[in-house]
Amino acid sequence: MTIMARLYANENFPLPVVEELRRLGHDVLTTLDAGNAGKVISDEAVLAFAVALKRILITLNRKHFIRLHSSNCDHHGIVVCTIDPAFGAQARRIHEALDTSGPLEGKLIRVNRPE
């Protein structure tokens, strides 16, 4: 059975992927939805916002959030993705990763574009 996730999409995350994740049943809050777009918010503050809302952070900003995860696992999950112009396929890979990862509390998962 698929467990639908509560996600917070970082500002650089593609809207078509967000829309497909929503179609797949996930609750996705974007930076724009939250009123945080264009505010140049630090990565630490982005993660703290996701934590406060008990949401899994989803981002293309892999390097910085992998580093943040390494120094602090006190979060509801981080999904780092590679850039993929095949938005529907990317959303389905994220959906599958969320479905098969078990509880994401304190975990980081990587969803990479196929080679």
Protein backbone atom coordinates (compact mmCIF):
# COMPACT_ATOMS: atom_id res chain seq x y z
CA MET A 1 0.00 0.00 0.00
CA THR A 2 1.28 3.43 -0.92
CA ILE A 3 1.83 5.89 1.90
CA MET A 4 1.24 9.45 0.75
CA ALA A 5 3.81 11.92 1.99
CA ARG A 6 3.66 15.49 3.25
CA LEU A 7 6.38 17.28 1.29
CA TYR A 8 7.89 20.75 1.21
CA ALA A 9 9.40 21.60 -2.20
CA ASN A 10 12.41 23.88 -2.09
CA GLU A 11 12.23 27.00 -4.25
CA ASN A 12 14.21 25.58 -7.17
CA PHE A 13 12.07 22.44 -7.43
CA PRO A 14 10.22 22.09 -10.78
CA LEU A 15 6.49 22.83 -10.59
CA PRO A 16 5.58 20.09 -13.14
CA VAL A 17 7.12 17.51 -10.77
CA VAL A 18 5.16 19.02 -7.85
CA GLU A 19 1.95 18.84 -9.87
CA GLU A 20 2.54 15.19 -10.78
CA LEU A 21 3.35 14.30 -7.16
CA ARG A 22 0.06 15.92 -6.16
CA ARG A 23 -1.76 13.92 -8.85
CA LEU A 24 -0.18 10.79 -7.34
CA GLY A 25 -1.76 11.74 -4.00
CA HIS A 26 1.06 13.50 -2.13
CA ASP A 27 0.51 16.67 -0.12
CA VAL A 28 3.12 19.04 -1.57
CA LEU A 29 3.62 22.55 -0.24
CA THR A 30 5.81 24.75 -2.42
CA THR A 31 7.93 27.69 -1.37
CA LEU A 32 5.53 29.90 -3.33
CA ASP A 33 2.48 28.39 -1.56
CA ALA A 34 4.15 29.10 1.79
CA GLY A 35 4.86 32.74 0.92
CA ASN A 36 8.63 32.20 0.96
CA ALA A 37 9.44 32.61 -2.75
CA GLY A 38 12.14 35.10 -3.68
CA LYS A 39 13.18 35.77 -0.09
CA VAL A 40 16.71 34.29 -0.32
CA ILE A 41 16.14 32.05 2.68
CA SER A 42 19.16 30.06 3.88
CA ASP A 43 19.17 26.30 3.45
CA GLU A 44 19.21 25.92 7.24
CA ALA A 45 16.05 28.05 7.49
CA VAL A 46 14.39 26.09 4.66
CA LEU A 47 15.03 22.84 6.51
CA ALA A 48 13.86 24.36 9.82
CA PHE A 49 10.63 25.47 8.11
CA ALA A 50 10.03 21.94 6.79
CA VAL A 51 10.74 20.52 10.26
CA ALA A 52 8.31 22.98 11.89
CA LEU A 53 5.59 21.82 9.49
CA LYS A 54 6.55 18.14 9.90
CA ARG A 55 7.19 17.82 6.18
CA ILE A 56 9.79 15.96 4.15
CA LEU A 57 12.00 18.40 2.27
CA ILE A 58 12.38 17.74 -1.44
CA THR A 59 15.12 19.58 -3.32
CA LEU A 60 17.49 19.71 -6.27
CA ASN A 61 20.06 21.43 -4.03
CA ARG A 62 21.79 18.15 -3.28
CA LYS A 63 25.21 19.21 -2.05
CA HIS A 64 23.98 21.65 0.60
CA PHE A 65 21.22 19.46 1.97
CA ILE A 66 23.39 16.35 2.08
CA ARG A 67 25.82 18.43 4.15
CA LEU A 68 23.01 19.67 6.42
CA HIS A 69 21.77 16.10 6.88
CA SER A 70 25.30 14.99 7.79
CA SER A 71 25.47 17.56 10.58
CA ASN A 72 21.85 17.26 11.78
CA CYS A 73 19.50 14.30 11.37
CA ASP A 74 16.74 15.99 13.36
CA HIS A 75 14.27 16.35 10.48
CA HIS A 76 11.32 14.55 8.92
CA GLY A 77 13.28 13.43 5.88
CA ILE A 78 15.15 14.94 2.98
CA VAL A 79 14.81 13.83 -0.64
CA VAL A 80 17.61 15.08 -2.88
CA CYS A 81 17.13 14.77 -6.63
CA THR A 82 19.17 15.26 -9.76
CA ILE A 83 17.80 17.59 -12.44
CA ASP A 84 15.63 15.65 -14.89
CA PRO A 85 13.64 17.29 -17.70
CA ALA A 86 11.39 14.19 -17.81
CA PHE A 87 9.21 15.63 -15.04
CA GLY A 88 6.58 12.88 -14.98
CA ALA A 89 9.21 10.16 -14.78
CA GLN A 90 11.03 12.05 -12.04
CA ALA A 91 7.82 12.36 -10.02
CA ARG A 92 7.16 8.63 -10.39
CA ARG A 93 10.71 7.80 -9.20
CA ILE A 94 10.21 10.07 -6.17
CA HIS A 95 6.82 8.45 -5.51
CA GLU A 96 8.38 4.98 -5.67
CA ALA A 97 11.28 5.99 -3.41
CA LEU A 98 8.85 7.40 -0.84
CA ASP A 99 6.75 4.25 -1.06
CA THR A 100 9.67 1.87 -0.51
CA SER A 101 11.84 3.82 1.96
CA GLY A 102 9.83 3.25 5.09
CA PRO A 103 9.64 6.07 7.64
CA LEU A 104 11.87 8.95 6.55
CA GLU A 105 12.31 10.53 9.97
CA GLY A 106 15.99 11.54 10.12
CA LYS A 107 16.78 9.94 6.73
CA LEU A 108 18.11 11.27 3.48
CA ILE A 109 17.19 9.55 0.23
CA ARG A 110 18.55 10.20 -3.23
CA VAL A 111 16.46 10.07 -6.37
CA ASN A 112 18.75 10.20 -9.38
CA ARG A 113 18.02 10.57 -13.07
CA PRO A 114 18.69 7.27 -14.87
CA GLU A 115 21.84 7.27 -16.99
